[in-house]
C-alpha atoms as a PDB file:
ATOM      1  CA  MET A   1     123.548  89.256  43.238  1.00  0.00           C
ATOM      2  CA  ASN A   2     119.846  88.823  42.908  1.00  0.00           C
ATOM      3  CA  SER A   3     118.497  87.291  46.263  1.00  0.00           C
ATOM      4  CA  ILE A   4     116.277  84.913  44.380  1.00  0.00           C
ATOM      5  CA  LYS A   5     119.219  83.337  42.470  1.00  0.00           C
ATOM      6  CA  GLN A   6     121.085  83.523  45.746  1.00  0.00           C
ATOM      7  CA  LYS A   7     118.325  81.317  47.629  1.00  0.00           C
ATOM      8  CA  GLN A   8     118.323  78.874  44.572  1.00  0.00           C
ATOM      9  CA  ILE A   9     122.020  78.197  44.706  1.00  0.00           C
ATOM     10  CA  SER A  10     121.767  77.862  48.592  1.00  0.00           C
ATOM     11  CA  ASN A  11     118.959  75.304  48.174  1.00  0.00           C
ATOM     12  CA  GLU A  12     120.846  73.388  45.344  1.00  0.00           C
ATOM     13  CA  LEU A  13     124.005  73.446  47.488  1.00  0.00           C
ATOM     14  CA  ALA A  14     122.353  71.885  50.295  1.00  0.00           C
ATOM     15  CA  ARG A  15     120.750  69.108  48.234  1.00  0.00           C
ATOM     16  CA  VAL A  16     124.035  68.333  46.498  1.00  0.00           C
ATOM     17  CA  ILE A  17     125.866  68.263  49.792  1.00  0.00           C
ATOM     18  CA  ALA A  18     123.225  66.090  51.337  1.00  0.00           C
ATOM     19  CA  GLU A  19     123.455  63.697  48.520  1.00  0.00           C
ATOM     20  CA  ILE A  20     127.366  63.562  48.566  1.00  0.00           C
ATOM     21  CA  LEU A  21     127.256  62.839  52.342  1.00  0.00           C
ATOM     22  CA  GLY A  22     124.500  60.205  52.044  1.00  0.00           C
ATOM     23  CA  SER A  23     125.839  58.295  49.261  1.00  0.00           C
ATOM     24  CA  GLU A  24     129.615  59.035  48.789  1.00  0.00           C
ATOM     25  CA  ALA A  25     131.013  59.694  52.077  1.00  0.00           C
ATOM     26  CA  ARG A  26     133.437  56.826  53.308  1.00  0.00           C
ATOM     27  CA  ASP A  27     132.982  57.709  57.035  1.00  0.00           C
ATOM     28  CA  GLU A  28     130.083  56.179  58.487  1.00  0.00           C
ATOM     29  CA  LEU A  29     129.626  59.181  60.880  1.00  0.00           C
ATOM     30  CA  LEU A  30     129.086  61.578  58.049  1.00  0.00           C
ATOM     31  CA  LYS A  31     126.230  59.372  56.712  1.00  0.00           C
ATOM     32  CA  THR A  32     124.333  60.100  59.943  1.00  0.00           C
ATOM     33  CA  ILE A  33     124.329  63.850  59.176  1.00  0.00           C
ATOM     34  CA  THR A  34     121.292  65.515  57.815  1.00  0.00           C
ATOM     35  CA  ILE A  35     121.695  68.802  55.923  1.00  0.00           C
ATOM     36  CA  THR A  36     119.085  71.371  56.973  1.00  0.00           C
ATOM     37  CA  GLY A  37     120.019  74.263  54.836  1.00  0.00           C
ATOM     38  CA  ALA A  38     122.782  76.488  53.564  1.00  0.00           C
ATOM     39  CA  ASP A  39     123.387  80.220  53.209  1.00  0.00           C
ATOM     40  CA  VAL A  40     125.672  81.313  50.416  1.00  0.00           C
ATOM     41  CA  ALA A  41     127.421  84.662  50.587  1.00  0.00           C
ATOM     42  CA  SER A  42     126.390  87.182  47.773  1.00  0.00           C
ATOM     43  CA  ASP A  43     129.783  86.984  46.223  1.00  0.00           C
ATOM     44  CA  LEU A  44     129.712  83.189  46.332  1.00  0.00           C
ATOM     45  CA  SER A  45     132.922  83.209  48.242  1.00  0.00           C
ATOM     46  CA  SER A  46     131.607  81.206  51.331  1.00  0.00           C
ATOM     47  CA  ALA A  47     128.716  79.141  52.444  1.00  0.00           C
ATOM     48  CA  LYS A  48     127.344  78.312  55.833  1.00  0.00           C
ATOM     49  CA  VAL A  49     125.937  74.787  55.592  1.00  0.00           C
ATOM     50  CA  TYR A  50     123.573  73.887  58.591  1.00  0.00           C
ATOM     51  CA  PHE A  51     123.325  70.258  59.676  1.00  0.00           C
ATOM     52  CA  THR A  52     121.893  68.094  62.539  1.00  0.00           C
ATOM     53  CA  SER A  53     122.540  64.469  63.261  1.00  0.00           C
ATOM     54  CA  LEU A  54     121.093  61.527  65.273  1.00  0.00           C
ATOM     55  CA  SER A  55     124.626  60.615  66.179  1.00  0.00           C
ATOM     56  CA  PRO A  56     125.172  60.516  70.090  1.00  0.00           C
ATOM     57  CA  LEU A  57     128.403  62.464  69.526  1.00  0.00           C
ATOM     58  CA  ASP A  58     128.346  66.040  70.547  1.00  0.00           C
ATOM     59  CA  PRO A  59     127.932  68.610  67.845  1.00  0.00           C
ATOM     60  CA  THR A  60     131.538  70.013  68.287  1.00  0.00           C
ATOM     61  CA  SER A  61     133.008  66.754  67.271  1.00  0.00           C
ATOM     62  CA  LEU A  62     130.638  66.495  64.301  1.00  0.00           C
ATOM     63  CA  GLU A  63     131.647  69.953  63.216  1.00  0.00           C
ATOM     64  CA  LYS A  64     135.399  69.058  63.442  1.00  0.00           C
ATOM     65  CA  GLU A  65     134.658  65.878  61.341  1.00  0.00           C
ATOM     66  CA  LEU A  66     132.797  67.917  58.702  1.00  0.00           C
ATOM     67  CA  LYS A  67     135.502  70.665  58.657  1.00  0.00           C
ATOM     68  CA  GLU A  68     138.082  67.907  57.825  1.00  0.00           C
ATOM     69  CA  SER A  69     135.980  66.679  54.983  1.00  0.00           C
ATOM     70  CA  ALA A  70     134.997  69.948  53.635  1.00  0.00           C
ATOM     71  CA  PRO A  71     137.715  70.219  50.832  1.00  0.00           C
ATOM     72  CA  TYR A  72     136.584  66.693  49.560  1.00  0.00           C
ATOM     73  CA  VAL A  73     132.949  67.737  49.627  1.00  0.00           C
ATOM     74  CA  ARG A  74     133.713  71.098  47.892  1.00  0.00           C
ATOM     75  CA  THR A  75     135.612  69.291  45.192  1.00  0.00           C
ATOM     76  CA  LEU A  76     132.601  67.155  44.669  1.00  0.00           C
ATOM     77  CA  VAL A  77     130.128  70.174  44.633  1.00  0.00           C
ATOM     78  CA  ALA A  78     132.393  71.861  42.005  1.00  0.00           C
ATOM     79  CA  GLU A  79     131.977  68.882  39.852  1.00  0.00           C
ATOM     80  CA  ARG A  80     128.038  68.745  40.106  1.00  0.00           C
ATOM     81  CA  MET A  81     127.136  72.419  40.099  1.00  0.00           C
ATOM     82  CA  ASP A  82     127.654  74.884  37.432  1.00  0.00           C
ATOM     83  CA  LEU A  83     129.348  77.766  39.263  1.00  0.00           C
ATOM     84  CA  ARG A  84     132.199  79.940  38.413  1.00  0.00           C
ATOM     85  CA  HIS A  85     133.571  79.784  41.848  1.00  0.00           C
ATOM     86  CA  THR A  86     132.661  77.043  44.271  1.00  0.00           C
ATOM     87  CA  PRO A  87     132.099  78.597  47.768  1.00  0.00           C
ATOM     88  CA  GLU A  88     134.240  77.719  51.057  1.00  0.00           C
ATOM     89  CA  LEU A  89     132.111  75.425  53.068  1.00  0.00           C
ATOM     90  CA  ARG A  90     131.722  76.224  56.697  1.00  0.00           C
ATOM     91  CA  PHE A  91     129.521  73.536  58.615  1.00  0.00           C
ATOM     92  CA  ILE A  92     127.352  74.764  61.567  1.00  0.00           C
ATOM     93  CA  PHE A  93     125.266  72.585  63.892  1.00  0.00           C
ATOM     94  CA  ASP A  94     121.479  73.624  63.435  1.00  0.00           C
ATOM     95  CA  LYS A  95     120.211  73.971  66.977  1.00  0.00           C
ATOM     96  CA  SER A  96     116.539  74.807  65.691  1.00  0.00           C
ATOM     97  CA  VAL A  97     115.867  71.041  65.485  1.00  0.00           C
ATOM     98  CA  GLU A  98     116.955  70.416  68.907  1.00  0.00           C
ATOM     99  CA  TYR A  99     115.196  73.512  70.307  1.00  0.00           C
ATOM    100  CA  GLY A 100     111.896  72.370  68.564  1.00  0.00           C
ATOM    101  CA  ASN A 101     112.131  68.936  70.334  1.00  0.00           C
ATOM    102  CA  LYS A 102     112.501  70.715  73.540  1.00  0.00           C
ATOM    103  CA  ILE A 103     109.432  72.758  73.124  1.00  0.00           C
ATOM    104  CA  ASP A 104     107.420  69.799  72.029  1.00  0.00           C
ATOM    105  CA  LYS A 105     108.517  67.985  75.299  1.00  0.00           C
ATOM    106  CA  ILE A 106     107.457  71.038  77.303  1.00  0.00           C
ATOM    107  CA  ILE A 107     104.083  71.149  75.564  1.00  0.00           C
ATOM    108  CA  GLU A 108     103.560  67.567  76.080  1.00  0.00           C
ATOM    109  CA  SER A 109     104.351  67.713  79.812  1.00  0.00           C
ATOM    110  CA  ILE A 110     101.871  70.697  80.164  1.00  0.00           C
ATOM    111  CA  HIS A 111      99.173  68.578  78.657  1.00  0.00           C
ATOM    112  CA  GLN A 112     100.020  65.654  80.835  1.00  0.00           C
ATOM    113  CA  ASN A 113      99.635  67.644  83.943  1.00  0.00           C
ATOM    114  CA  ASP A 114      96.396  69.048  82.765  1.00  0.00           C
ATOM    115  CA  ASN A 115      94.871  65.575  82.701  1.00  0.00           C
END
């Protein structure tokens, strides 16, 4: 598959899943989740969906919750996206946001020590 087309599908998938979780999820925990991106396999058989959350729960329990809701979310994605095959969804906690916050705190502490 063309890599540009693959990126377009990945972006659209992330947008659709974010919309589903934000507006149609019955579980309030799922509404705290922010989708940060998606990577679709070249054959569209699977997709890694990256997320972050402001919830105090640990990422493992959030991944478990999303794994349980994945078939429902996939069904809604199939209804909204014009794809021959809807990929299997695998949710992965995005550590980059957490890492960025940690770096910001380190830089801030360095600047405070300079003053």
